[in-house]
Amino acid sequence: MRPPIRVLPQEVASQIAAGEVVERPASVVKELVENALDAGATQVSVEVVEGGRRLIRVADDGCGIPEDEVELAFQRHATSKIADTFDLEAIGTLGFRGEALPSIAAVAQVTMVTRTQDAATGTYLRLAPASGGKVARERRACSSGTSVAVSDLFHHVPARLKFLRSPTTENGHIAHLVTQFVFAYPQVRFTLKVDGRTLIQSSGSGDLREAVAAAYQWEVAQSLLAIEKDPRQEDSRLPSGVVVSGLVSPPALSRGGRSYMSFFVNGRWVQSRMLSYALEEAYQGFLLSGKHPIAILLIGLPHREVDVNVHPTKAEVRFVHEREVFGAVNGAARRTLAILAPVPQMTRVAAPVPSGEGLPLALGSGEGVLVSPVISPPSSSLPVLRVLGQVANTYIIAEGPQGMYLIDQHTAHERVLYHKLRTQLAGRGVERQGLLEPLTVEVTSRQEELLQVHGELLFQYGFEVDHFGGRNYLVRSVPALLSVKGDTAQVLQRFLDELADEKEPGDWAQKVAISLACHTAVRAGDTLTLSEMRALVQDLEATDQPRTCPHGRPTMIYLSQSQLEREFGRR
């Protein structure tokens, strides 16, 4: 027999509702910072202790809350940001639901101190879920603005507490979140302190490039390209009034994950597959497969053209004219890239279509370029090859018993390095080479958290990294066989980014080996001596999978002697 229908106790209903808004400590930070920005703050300070589990404090210099409205602010659906259903059609603030403060107070102890500019004193209010609400209220001297301290998050909700990750992981989510606010509001000065350490501090100058430098490195900020303005914006003929601005990376600057792609709609950080696809589609032909751009895109459009009332977290939005928004974002990025690197054009050359064996050989035809079928040489291992030379400082020409090989020097070296790394790791361990002078590497806040989590794994692979102060680290040793050649900082940062983009840990050791091999291998365009080419080919012959790199890309193409004879009309 089913139990009777009953009305849930208010405490239970509040905790259920809070679960839609407060998913983790970063959710608390998001809601409080949004309130601060809606209050007109020019300075916002975020302080976190033990991943936000013990304490989250957000202080601002905004307009403050009047004394007679402080308790009302903690009642569900109490808000100053909308008044009726018509306001929902054109929401111009970050918050509007009236759920943030009551949801936070339902799962944590909350202390608020606030004062408006015209008030002589401020108001202090403390609430605790275990006590059923208000614990203390009094007047206090304080500066204008609002400070909210949230402690013992989920302490009285053990079902939620057990799903929190380690403090390091939660700190990473908070740092990533604050970084987005820094980008969206460069005119606001943000400070993030984690366990007493200052991780992020922006200037609030209003310069987006300076904001990027505060979260990433200054070298990255300087390299980004400012979005080129659409000429249609001059006479307001842009569809739906969409305006796109911001910064994107040039083709030479990319990342292994999508976490460096940030989108903001009317100042709101959003996560949208459509916007991500619009941006990455613009980079088609500019980036290798598996690489992603860095982007901070600010999208402005009339408030009535976008619906932010989709989900309690307000991270998802719907566009009235989605196709026009897609076109605006895609066009802005493509237009900017075209200035630096025009899309390559395929040249058509009349030639007979080949047939027979051989790995891919691009040949012209009347209809464009045709690639012949892939038929690998019969043996799984390589025969002894005689190196003849180098083409375009990228491909090694080698002769085998029955034909010619074109070897991609980068992918071949990747396979060699990966094979040696795994072999050493299975034996006595990866040999390390101490640096004569430690190399200083500056990392982002997110990279710093990953260094702390995966430091032991890095050490196993030959990297000895010590904290030097701030977000600076000293690299004292590197894997001996990698010969990093001065790119240690870039190697370290790139593979940390790839680890950050992994949803599940998986085989971290393999991920590190692949990343290190990729980022330290010789590059296309590097000039190699004949002895270096011979050594590389000999090492490739000794690997267990010489025909592909660890990512699965081919290391070579093969032209049989019979195919060469056919192409030259000898058969």
Protein backbone atom coordinates (compact mmCIF):
# COMPACT_ATOMS: atom_id res chain seq x y z
CA MET A 1 0.00 0.00 0.00
CA ARG A 2 1.45 3.36 -0.97
CA PRO A 3 2.10 5.97 1.72
CA PRO A 4 -0.29 8.94 1.91
CA ILE A 5 0.43 12.22 0.11
CA ARG A 6 1.77 14.82 2.53
CA VAL A 7 3.26 18.29 2.45
CA LEU A 8 7.02 18.18 3.09
CA PRO A 9 8.37 20.02 6.14
CA GLN A 10 9.73 23.46 5.26
CA GLU A 11 13.28 22.42 6.19
CA VAL A 12 13.24 19.48 3.77
CA ALA A 13 11.63 21.51 0.99
CA SER A 14 14.26 24.24 1.42
CA GLN A 15 17.13 21.76 1.15
CA ILE A 16 15.63 20.21 -2.00
CA ALA A 17 15.27 23.65 -3.58
CA ALA A 18 18.78 24.57 -2.50
CA GLY A 19 20.11 21.52 -4.35
CA GLU A 20 19.10 23.11 -7.66
CA VAL A 21 21.14 26.25 -6.95
CA VAL A 22 24.00 25.15 -4.67
CA GLU A 23 25.73 22.22 -6.33
CA ARG A 24 29.19 22.79 -4.84
CA PRO A 25 31.25 25.60 -3.23
CA ALA A 26 31.79 27.26 -6.61
CA SER A 27 27.98 27.63 -6.88
CA VAL A 28 27.97 29.68 -3.68
CA VAL A 29 30.76 31.90 -4.98
CA LYS A 30 28.91 32.39 -8.27
CA GLU A 31 25.66 33.50 -6.64
CA LEU A 32 27.35 35.87 -4.19
CA VAL A 33 29.59 37.47 -6.82
CA GLU A 34 26.61 37.95 -9.13
CA ASN A 35 24.77 39.72 -6.30
CA ALA A 36 27.81 41.95 -5.79
CA LEU A 37 27.96 42.88 -9.48
CA ASP A 38 24.22 43.56 -9.61
CA ALA A 39 24.77 45.89 -6.64
CA GLY A 40 27.19 47.97 -8.72
CA ALA A 41 30.40 46.83 -7.04
CA THR A 42 33.74 48.05 -8.39
CA GLN A 43 35.74 45.80 -6.04
CA VAL A 44 34.91 42.19 -5.20
CA SER A 45 36.97 40.06 -2.83
CA VAL A 46 36.58 36.28 -2.61
CA GLU A 47 38.18 34.28 0.20
CA VAL A 48 38.06 30.49 0.42
CA VAL A 49 39.26 28.09 3.11
CA GLU A 50 39.52 24.30 2.67
CA GLY A 51 37.96 24.30 -0.77
CA GLY A 52 35.00 26.37 0.47
CA ARG A 53 33.84 23.66 2.84
CA ARG A 54 35.00 25.56 5.90
CA LEU A 55 34.58 29.15 4.71
CA ILE A 56 33.57 31.23 1.71
CA ARG A 57 33.57 34.99 2.11
CA VAL A 58 32.57 37.45 -0.62
CA ALA A 59 32.87 41.17 0.11
CA ASP A 60 32.01 44.08 -2.19
CA ASP A 61 31.72 47.87 -2.24
CA GLY A 62 28.28 47.88 -3.84
CA CYS A 63 25.14 49.74 -2.82
CA GLY A 64 24.43 47.56 0.22
CA ILE A 65 21.05 46.41 1.59
CA PRO A 66 18.79 48.74 3.62
CA GLU A 67 18.40 47.80 7.28
CA ASP A 68 14.70 46.95 6.99
CA GLU A 69 15.28 44.60 4.02
CA VAL A 70 18.16 42.47 5.33
CA GLU A 71 16.00 39.61 6.66
CA LEU A 72 13.65 39.86 3.70
CA ALA A 73 16.61 39.12 1.40
CA PHE A 74 16.74 35.59 2.86
CA GLN A 75 13.12 34.79 2.09
CA ARG A 76 12.54 32.62 -0.94
CA HIS A 77 11.59 34.50 -4.13
CA ALA A 78 12.29 37.88 -2.54
CA THR A 79 14.20 40.04 -5.02
CA SER A 80 14.67 43.66 -6.08
CA LYS A 81 15.54 42.74 -9.68
CA ILE A 82 12.16 41.90 -11.22
CA ALA A 83 8.59 42.83 -10.32
CA ASP A 84 6.26 41.02 -12.75
CA THR A 85 6.13 38.58 -15.67
CA PHE A 86 6.92 41.36 -18.15
CA ASP A 87 10.34 41.79 -16.52
CA LEU A 88 11.13 38.13 -17.28
CA GLU A 89 11.03 38.94 -21.00
CA ALA A 90 14.04 41.26 -20.76
CA ILE A 91 16.25 40.39 -17.79
CA GLY A 92 19.16 42.80 -17.49
CA THR A 93 20.68 41.58 -14.21
CA LEU A 94 22.73 38.49 -13.41
CA GLY A 95 20.37 37.40 -10.63
CA PHE A 96 16.58 37.59 -10.65
CA ARG A 97 15.09 34.45 -9.09
CA GLY A 98 15.34 35.45 -5.42
CA GLU A 99 16.64 31.95 -4.59
CA ALA A 100 20.37 32.36 -4.01
CA LEU A 101 20.55 33.63 -0.42
CA PRO A 102 17.76 31.41 0.99
CA SER A 103 19.23 28.37 -0.78
CA ILE A 104 22.68 29.04 0.68
CA ALA A 105 21.21 29.63 4.16
CA ALA A 106 19.39 26.28 3.94
CA VAL A 107 22.67 24.31 3.69
CA ALA A 108 25.23 26.41 5.60
CA GLN A 109 25.74 28.97 8.32
CA VAL A 110 25.55 32.47 6.86
CA THR A 111 26.75 35.76 8.29
CA MET A 112 26.00 39.04 6.52
CA VAL A 113 27.28 42.53 7.26
CA THR A 114 25.89 45.27 5.03
CA ARG A 115 25.48 49.05 4.89
CA THR A 116 24.08 51.47 2.36
CA GLN A 117 26.06 54.63 1.63
CA ASP A 118 23.55 56.93 3.35
CA ALA A 119 23.24 54.81 6.52
CA ALA A 120 25.16 55.74 9.67
CA THR A 121 25.73 52.12 10.70
CA GLY A 122 25.50 48.71 9.12
CA THR A 123 23.44 45.63 9.89
CA TYR A 124 24.86 42.31 11.12
CA LEU A 125 22.77 39.15 10.63
CA ARG A 126 23.68 35.53 11.37
CA LEU A 127 21.61 32.53 10.34
CA ALA A 128 22.08 28.78 10.87
CA PRO A 129 19.97 25.97 9.38
CA ALA A 130 20.28 23.88 12.56
CA SER A 131 18.64 26.67 14.56
CA GLY A 132 15.78 27.10 12.12
CA GLY A 133 16.82 30.54 10.87
CA LYS A 134 17.98 33.76 12.53
CA VAL A 135 20.51 33.43 15.33
CA ALA A 136 21.61 37.01 15.89
CA ARG A 137 20.97 40.51 14.52
CA GLU A 138 22.57 43.78 15.57
CA ARG A 139 23.90 47.09 14.32
CA ARG A 140 27.58 47.36 13.54
CA ALA A 141 30.05 49.88 12.20
CA CYS A 142 31.27 48.86 8.75
CA SER A 143 32.14 50.27 5.36
CA SER A 144 29.44 50.61 2.71
CA GLY A 145 28.75 47.48 0.72
CA THR A 146 28.07 43.89 1.67
CA SER A 147 30.12 41.04 3.09
CA VAL A 148 28.68 37.52 3.21
CA ALA A 149 30.49 34.69 5.01
CA VAL A 150 29.33 31.11 4.41
CA SER A 151 30.72 28.45 6.76
CA ASP A 152 30.26 24.72 7.33
CA LEU A 153 28.76 24.17 3.88
CA PHE A 154 26.58 21.01 3.77
CA HIS A 155 27.58 20.21 7.38
CA HIS A 156 23.97 19.40 8.22
CA VAL A 157 23.32 17.76 4.84
CA PRO A 158 25.62 14.69 4.86
CA ALA A 159 24.04 13.33 1.67
CA ARG A 160 25.43 16.36 -0.17
CA LEU A 161 28.67 16.62 1.78
CA LYS A 162 29.94 13.20 0.68
CA PHE A 163 29.83 14.25 -2.98
CA LEU A 164 32.26 17.14 -2.52
CA ARG A 165 35.67 16.54 -4.07
CA SER A 166 39.03 17.27 -2.49
CA PRO A 167 39.78 20.88 -1.46
CA THR A 168 42.26 21.09 -4.35
CA THR A 169 39.59 20.10 -6.87
CA GLU A 170 36.99 22.47 -5.42
CA ASN A 171 39.57 25.29 -5.36
CA GLY A 172 40.20 24.64 -9.05
CA HIS A 173 36.50 25.07 -9.86
CA ILE A 174 36.34 28.30 -7.86
CA ALA A 175 39.47 29.70 -9.51
CA HIS A 176 38.08 28.86 -12.96
CA LEU A 177 34.80 30.58 -12.06
CA VAL A 178 36.44 33.76 -10.75
CA THR A 179 38.58 33.85 -13.89
CA GLN A 180 35.38 34.10 -15.95
CA PHE A 181 34.14 37.04 -13.87
CA VAL A 182 37.51 38.74 -14.40
CA PHE A 183 37.04 38.41 -18.16
CA ALA A 184 33.39 39.47 -18.20
CA TYR A 185 33.94 42.53 -15.96
CA PRO A 186 37.46 43.90 -16.57
CA GLN A 187 36.34 47.21 -15.03
CA VAL A 188 35.88 45.50 -11.63
CA ARG A 189 38.82 44.68 -9.39
CA PHE A 190 38.65 41.03 -8.32
CA THR A 191 40.73 39.30 -5.68
CA LEU A 192 40.70 35.57 -4.95
CA LYS A 193 42.45 34.20 -1.87
CA VAL A 194 42.63 30.45 -1.25
CA ASP A 195 43.83 29.31 2.16
CA GLY A 196 45.59 32.65 2.64
CA ARG A 197 47.29 32.66 -0.79
CA THR A 198 46.33 35.23 -3.42
CA LEU A 199 45.63 33.29 -6.63
CA ILE A 200 43.99 36.00 -8.73
CA GLN A 201 44.13 39.78 -8.54
CA SER A 202 42.89 41.90 -11.41
CA SER A 203 43.47 45.62 -11.79
CA GLY A 204 39.93 46.66 -12.64
CA SER A 205 41.31 49.01 -15.30
CA GLY A 206 38.69 47.99 -17.87
CA ASP A 207 41.28 46.60 -20.27
CA LEU A 208 40.34 43.05 -21.30
CA ARG A 209 43.92 42.17 -22.22
CA GLU A 210 45.07 43.13 -18.70
CA ALA A 211 42.29 40.97 -17.29
CA VAL A 212 43.51 38.00 -19.33
CA ALA A 213 47.06 38.60 -18.08
CA ALA A 214 45.81 38.49 -14.48
CA ALA A 215 44.36 35.01 -14.98
CA TYR A 216 46.76 33.56 -17.55
CA GLN A 217 50.23 34.81 -18.48
CA TRP A 218 51.04 38.20 -19.93
CA GLU A 219 52.68 36.52 -22.92
CA VAL A 220 49.38 34.79 -23.73
CA ALA A 221 47.42 38.02 -23.32
CA GLN A 222 49.75 39.87 -25.69
CA SER A 223 49.48 37.15 -28.33
CA LEU A 224 45.68 37.17 -28.55
CA LEU A 225 43.98 38.89 -31.47
CA ALA A 226 41.30 41.52 -30.94
CA ILE A 227 38.05 40.63 -32.70
CA GLU A 228 37.66 42.62 -35.91
CA LYS A 229 34.49 44.69 -35.95
CA ASP A 230 31.80 43.72 -38.44
CA PRO A 231 31.34 46.62 -40.88
CA ARG A 232 27.58 46.09 -40.66
CA GLN A 233 27.67 47.31 -37.05
CA GLU A 234 28.29 50.85 -38.30
CA ASP A 235 24.78 51.23 -39.69
CA SER A 236 22.99 48.80 -37.34
CA ARG A 237 22.31 46.26 -40.10
CA LEU A 238 23.73 43.35 -38.11
CA PRO A 239 20.99 40.66 -37.72
CA SER A 240 19.12 40.84 -34.40
CA GLY A 241 21.51 43.51 -33.11
CA VAL A 242 24.20 40.94 -32.20
CA VAL A 243 27.60 42.51 -31.44
CA VAL A 244 30.65 40.32 -30.86
CA SER A 245 33.89 41.57 -29.31
CA GLY A 246 36.77 40.08 -27.33
CA LEU A 247 40.00 38.22 -28.00
CA VAL A 248 40.90 35.00 -29.84
CA SER A 249 44.17 33.15 -30.25
CA PRO A 250 46.18 33.06 -33.48
CA PRO A 251 46.61 29.63 -35.12
CA ALA A 252 50.06 29.25 -33.59
CA LEU A 253 48.60 29.42 -30.07
CA SER A 254 46.29 26.59 -29.10
CA ARG A 255 45.41 24.32 -26.20
CA GLY A 256 44.68 20.64 -25.81
CA GLY A 257 41.32 21.25 -24.13
CA ARG A 258 38.25 23.47 -24.42
CA SER A 259 38.49 25.05 -20.98
CA TYR A 260 40.16 28.15 -22.44
CA MET A 261 37.09 28.99 -24.53
CA SER A 262 34.90 31.49 -22.63
CA PHE A 263 31.59 32.94 -23.81
CA PHE A 264 29.67 35.80 -22.22
CA VAL A 265 26.19 36.93 -23.21
CA ASN A 266 25.34 40.41 -21.93
CA GLY A 267 27.93 39.97 -19.19
CA ARG A 268 26.74 36.49 -18.19
CA TRP A 269 29.16 33.55 -18.45
CA VAL A 270 27.34 30.82 -20.34
CA GLN A 271 28.09 27.29 -21.48
CA SER A 272 26.73 26.63 -24.94
CA ARG A 273 27.55 23.84 -27.38
CA MET A 274 26.26 26.02 -30.19
CA LEU A 275 28.68 28.84 -29.38
CA SER A 276 31.58 26.40 -28.97
CA TYR A 277 30.81 24.85 -32.34
CA ALA A 278 30.51 28.28 -33.99
CA LEU A 279 33.97 29.22 -32.73
CA GLU A 280 35.71 25.93 -33.54
CA GLU A 281 34.13 25.85 -36.98
CA ALA A 282 35.85 29.18 -37.65
CA TYR A 283 39.20 27.53 -36.90
CA GLN A 284 38.70 24.72 -39.42
CA GLY A 285 41.85 24.61 -41.54
CA PHE A 286 43.85 26.60 -38.98
CA LEU A 287 44.34 24.06 -36.15
CA LEU A 288 45.35 20.43 -36.04
CA SER A 289 42.80 17.87 -34.93
CA GLY A 290 42.59 17.74 -31.14
CA LYS A 291 43.71 21.35 -30.68
CA HIS A 292 41.39 24.11 -29.49
CA PRO A 293 41.62 27.90 -29.48
CA ILE A 294 41.85 30.33 -26.60
CA ALA A 295 38.93 32.75 -26.74
CA ILE A 296 37.18 35.36 -24.62
CA LEU A 297 34.10 36.30 -26.60
CA LEU A 298 31.73 39.00 -25.37
CA ILE A 299 28.35 38.73 -27.09
CA GLY A 300 25.93 41.60 -26.76
CA LEU A 301 22.33 41.60 -27.97
CA PRO A 302 18.96 43.00 -26.87
CA HIS A 303 17.78 41.40 -23.64
CA ARG A 304 14.51 40.36 -25.28
CA GLU A 305 16.49 38.30 -27.81
CA VAL A 306 17.85 35.90 -25.18
CA ASP A 307 16.12 33.79 -22.51
CA VAL A 308 18.20 33.33 -19.36
CA ASN A 309 15.33 31.80 -17.38
CA VAL A 310 16.19 28.26 -18.48
CA HIS A 311 17.85 26.63 -15.48
CA PRO A 312 18.26 27.57 -11.78
CA THR A 313 22.05 27.87 -12.20
CA LYS A 314 21.49 30.42 -15.02
CA ALA A 315 24.43 28.89 -16.94
CA GLU A 316 22.32 27.98 -19.97
CA VAL A 317 20.54 30.40 -22.28
CA ARG A 318 18.30 30.22 -25.35
CA PHE A 319 18.49 32.61 -28.26
CA VAL A 320 15.43 33.78 -30.18
CA HIS A 321 17.51 33.97 -33.38
CA GLU A 322 20.04 31.19 -32.83
CA ARG A 323 21.18 31.05 -36.46
CA GLU A 324 22.04 34.76 -36.47
CA VAL A 325 24.01 34.44 -33.22
CA PHE A 326 25.90 31.46 -34.63
CA GLY A 327 26.74 33.41 -37.76
CA ALA A 328 27.87 36.46 -35.81
CA VAL A 329 30.25 34.47 -33.59
CA ASN A 330 31.57 32.33 -36.41
CA GLY A 331 32.00 35.32 -38.71
CA ALA A 332 33.76 37.43 -36.08
CA ALA A 333 36.34 34.75 -35.36
CA ARG A 334 36.83 33.81 -39.02
CA ARG A 335 37.18 37.43 -40.07
CA THR A 336 39.82 38.03 -37.41
CA LEU A 337 41.81 34.92 -38.35
CA ALA A 338 41.67 35.75 -42.05
CA ILE A 339 43.68 38.92 -41.42
CA LEU A 340 46.54 36.87 -39.99
CA ALA A 341 46.32 33.65 -42.01
CA PRO A 342 44.06 33.45 -45.07
CA VAL A 343 42.36 30.13 -45.69
CA PRO A 344 44.66 28.05 -47.94
CA GLN A 345 43.36 27.44 -51.45
CA MET A 346 43.68 24.05 -53.16
CA THR A 347 45.44 24.19 -56.55
CA ARG A 348 44.08 21.85 -59.22
CA VAL A 349 46.61 20.13 -61.46
CA ALA A 350 45.62 17.77 -64.26
CA ALA A 351 47.20 14.35 -63.81
CA PRO A 352 46.25 10.71 -64.33
CA VAL A 353 44.58 8.95 -61.40
CA PRO A 354 46.90 6.28 -60.00
CA SER A 355 45.97 2.76 -59.12
CA GLY A 356 47.64 -0.01 -57.20
CA GLU A 357 49.45 -0.18 -53.90
CA GLY A 358 50.88 2.52 -51.71
CA LEU A 359 50.07 4.72 -48.76
CA PRO A 360 48.28 8.08 -49.38
CA LEU A 361 49.80 10.08 -52.23
CA ALA A 362 48.04 13.35 -53.09
CA LEU A 363 47.62 13.69 -56.85
CA GLY A 364 45.68 16.25 -58.87
CA SER A 365 42.69 15.49 -61.05
CA GLY A 366 40.25 17.53 -63.08
CA GLU A 367 37.85 17.61 -60.11
CA GLY A 368 40.38 18.43 -57.40
CA VAL A 369 42.79 16.43 -55.25
CA LEU A 370 42.44 12.67 -55.01
CA VAL A 371 44.08 10.42 -52.43
CA SER A 372 44.83 6.86 -53.42
CA PRO A 373 43.67 3.96 -51.23
CA VAL A 374 45.77 3.14 -48.18
CA ILE A 375 47.57 -0.20 -48.44
CA SER A 376 50.34 -0.58 -45.88
CA PRO A 377 53.53 -2.44 -46.72
CA PRO A 378 52.98 -6.12 -45.92
CA SER A 379 55.34 -6.40 -42.95
CA SER A 380 54.30 -4.97 -39.56
CA SER A 381 57.90 -4.00 -38.82
CA LEU A 382 60.08 -1.72 -40.87
CA PRO A 383 62.84 -2.95 -43.16
CA VAL A 384 66.29 -1.42 -42.92
CA LEU A 385 66.03 2.01 -44.53
CA ARG A 386 68.67 4.20 -46.18
CA VAL A 387 68.17 7.90 -45.45
CA LEU A 388 68.52 10.11 -48.53
CA GLY A 389 67.55 13.59 -47.29
CA GLN A 390 64.83 15.96 -46.06
CA VAL A 391 61.92 17.69 -47.81
CA ALA A 392 60.59 21.08 -46.60
CA ASN A 393 62.43 20.54 -43.30
CA THR A 394 59.51 18.27 -42.37
CA TYR A 395 59.74 14.91 -44.16
CA ILE A 396 62.64 12.48 -44.25
CA ILE A 397 63.17 10.65 -47.55
CA ALA A 398 64.35 7.08 -47.11
CA GLU A 399 64.85 4.16 -49.48
CA GLY A 400 63.78 0.63 -48.65
CA PRO A 401 64.30 -2.69 -50.47
CA GLN A 402 61.13 -2.30 -52.55
CA GLY A 403 60.33 1.40 -52.62
CA MET A 404 60.53 4.84 -51.06
CA TYR A 405 59.33 6.10 -47.67
CA LEU A 406 58.38 9.68 -46.72
CA ILE A 407 58.62 9.93 -42.94
CA ASP A 408 57.01 12.72 -40.93
CA GLN A 409 59.85 13.68 -38.58
CA HIS A 410 57.53 15.01 -35.84
CA THR A 411 55.18 12.03 -35.57
CA ALA A 412 58.11 9.62 -35.93
CA HIS A 413 59.97 11.31 -33.09
CA GLU A 414 56.78 11.24 -30.99
CA ARG A 415 56.63 7.45 -31.35
CA VAL A 416 60.32 7.08 -30.49
CA LEU A 417 60.09 9.24 -27.35
CA TYR A 418 56.88 7.59 -26.18
CA HIS A 419 58.43 4.12 -26.63
CA LYS A 420 61.54 5.10 -24.65
CA LEU A 421 59.54 6.74 -21.86
CA ARG A 422 57.36 3.69 -21.34
CA THR A 423 60.35 1.36 -21.52
CA GLN A 424 62.27 3.35 -18.89
CA LEU A 425 59.23 3.63 -16.65
CA ALA A 426 58.76 -0.15 -16.73
CA GLY A 427 62.41 -0.62 -15.75
CA ARG A 428 64.39 1.44 -13.28
CA GLY A 429 62.39 4.59 -13.85
CA VAL A 430 62.72 7.60 -16.11
CA GLU A 431 66.21 9.06 -16.11
CA ARG A 432 66.29 12.70 -15.13
CA GLN A 433 68.65 15.49 -16.14
CA GLY A 434 69.29 18.23 -13.58
CA LEU A 435 69.29 21.77 -14.93
CA LEU A 436 72.38 23.89 -14.30
CA GLU A 437 70.08 26.74 -13.35
CA PRO A 438 66.48 26.11 -12.22
CA LEU A 439 63.94 27.40 -14.72
CA THR A 440 61.16 29.65 -13.41
CA VAL A 441 57.72 28.82 -14.81
CA GLU A 442 54.59 30.91 -14.23
CA VAL A 443 51.36 28.92 -14.28
CA THR A 444 47.67 29.79 -14.18
CA SER A 445 45.62 29.19 -11.04
CA ARG A 446 44.07 26.09 -12.56
CA GLN A 447 47.43 24.73 -13.68
CA GLU A 448 48.73 25.29 -10.15
CA GLU A 449 46.01 23.09 -8.68
CA LEU A 450 46.86 20.35 -11.19
CA LEU A 451 50.54 20.61 -10.29
CA GLN A 452 49.64 19.90 -6.69
CA VAL A 453 47.37 16.97 -7.60
CA HIS A 454 49.71 15.32 -10.14
CA GLY A 455 53.09 16.39 -8.77
CA GLU A 456 54.03 12.84 -7.82
CA LEU A 457 53.26 11.58 -11.32
CA LEU A 458 55.39 14.35 -12.81
CA PHE A 459 58.26 13.37 -10.53
CA GLN A 460 58.04 9.76 -11.77
CA TYR A 461 58.49 11.05 -15.30
CA GLY A 462 61.62 13.01 -14.45
CA PHE A 463 60.27 16.48 -13.62
CA GLU A 464 61.30 17.97 -10.29
CA VAL A 465 59.16 21.06 -9.65
CA ASP A 466 59.19 23.23 -6.50
CA HIS A 467 56.96 26.13 -5.48
CA PHE A 468 58.79 29.45 -5.70
CA GLY A 469 56.14 31.96 -4.60
CA GLY A 470 52.87 33.21 -6.04
CA ARG A 471 52.10 31.21 -9.16
CA ASN A 472 55.79 30.74 -9.95
CA TYR A 473 57.47 27.33 -9.83
CA LEU A 474 61.08 26.20 -10.21
CA VAL A 475 61.83 23.31 -12.57
CA ARG A 476 65.02 21.67 -11.30
CA SER A 477 65.16 18.58 -13.52
CA VAL A 478 63.62 17.18 -16.70
CA PRO A 479 63.51 13.73 -18.31
CA ALA A 480 67.00 13.15 -19.71
CA LEU A 481 65.94 11.60 -23.01
CA LEU A 482 63.52 14.38 -23.95
CA SER A 483 66.09 17.13 -24.57
CA VAL A 484 63.49 19.85 -23.99
CA LYS A 485 65.68 22.52 -25.64
CA GLY A 486 64.42 25.50 -23.66
CA ASP A 487 60.69 24.77 -24.11
CA THR A 488 60.26 23.31 -20.62
CA ALA A 489 57.75 25.96 -19.54
CA GLN A 490 55.58 25.44 -22.61
CA VAL A 491 55.77 21.65 -22.31
CA LEU A 492 54.71 21.79 -18.67
CA GLN A 493 51.81 24.18 -19.30
CA ARG A 494 50.48 22.37 -22.36
CA PHE A 495 50.19 18.95 -20.82
CA LEU A 496 48.65 20.42 -17.63
CA ASP A 497 45.97 21.94 -19.85
CA GLU A 498 45.34 18.55 -21.44
CA LEU A 499 44.96 16.95 -18.01
CA ALA A 500 42.55 19.72 -16.99
CA ASP A 501 40.26 18.93 -19.91
CA GLU A 502 39.92 15.25 -18.99
CA LYS A 503 36.48 14.52 -17.54
CA GLU A 504 37.62 11.24 -16.01
CA PRO A 505 41.12 10.44 -14.73
CA GLY A 506 41.60 7.37 -16.98
CA ASP A 507 45.21 6.37 -17.54
CA TRP A 508 46.97 9.51 -16.31
CA ALA A 509 50.39 7.91 -16.75
CA GLN A 510 49.74 7.21 -20.43
CA LYS A 511 48.30 10.71 -20.91
CA VAL A 512 51.46 12.26 -19.45
CA ALA A 513 53.74 10.11 -21.61
CA ILE A 514 51.85 10.96 -24.80
CA SER A 515 51.76 14.66 -23.97
CA LEU A 516 55.45 14.89 -23.09
CA ALA A 517 56.44 12.97 -26.22
CA CYS A 518 54.29 15.20 -28.41
CA HIS A 519 55.44 18.52 -27.01
CA THR A 520 59.17 17.70 -26.96
CA ALA A 521 59.49 15.98 -30.34
CA VAL A 522 61.18 17.76 -33.24
CA ARG A 523 58.79 19.97 -35.16
CA ALA A 524 57.87 20.40 -38.77
CA GLY A 525 60.29 23.02 -40.06
CA ASP A 526 63.24 21.90 -37.94
CA THR A 527 66.38 21.33 -40.00
CA LEU A 528 68.01 17.98 -39.24
CA THR A 529 71.51 16.83 -40.16
CA LEU A 530 71.94 13.57 -42.05
CA SER A 531 73.26 11.88 -38.90
CA GLU A 532 70.23 13.11 -36.89
CA MET A 533 67.85 11.76 -39.54
CA ARG A 534 69.64 8.39 -39.58
CA ALA A 535 69.49 8.15 -35.78
CA LEU A 536 65.77 9.01 -35.78
CA VAL A 537 64.94 6.39 -38.42
CA GLN A 538 67.01 3.72 -36.61
CA ASP A 539 65.19 4.50 -33.36
CA LEU A 540 61.84 4.33 -35.16
CA GLU A 541 62.73 0.89 -36.56
CA ALA A 542 63.29 -0.32 -32.98
CA THR A 543 59.81 0.66 -31.71
CA ASP A 544 56.92 -1.79 -31.48
CA GLN A 545 54.49 0.37 -33.49
CA PRO A 546 56.59 2.39 -35.94
CA ARG A 547 53.79 3.24 -38.37
CA THR A 548 51.74 5.57 -36.11
CA CYS A 549 52.42 8.13 -33.42
CA PRO A 550 50.82 7.66 -29.96
CA HIS A 551 47.81 9.72 -31.13
CA GLY A 552 47.20 7.37 -34.07
CA ARG A 553 48.48 9.65 -36.84
CA PRO A 554 50.62 7.97 -39.54
CA THR A 555 54.39 8.43 -39.28
CA MET A 556 55.06 7.71 -42.95
CA ILE A 557 53.71 7.11 -46.42
CA TYR A 558 55.07 4.44 -48.74
CA LEU A 559 55.59 4.47 -52.49
CA SER A 560 56.39 1.05 -53.93
CA GLN A 561 58.84 0.64 -56.77
CA SER A 562 56.06 -0.63 -59.05
CA GLN A 563 53.96 2.44 -58.31
CA LEU A 564 56.87 4.75 -59.14
CA GLU A 565 57.37 2.89 -62.42
CA ARG A 566 53.71 3.31 -63.33
CA GLU A 567 53.73 7.03 -62.52
CA PHE A 568 56.78 7.57 -64.78
CA GLY A 569 55.32 5.46 -67.59
CA ARG A 570 57.86 2.66 -67.25
CA ARG A 571 55.18 0.02 -66.81
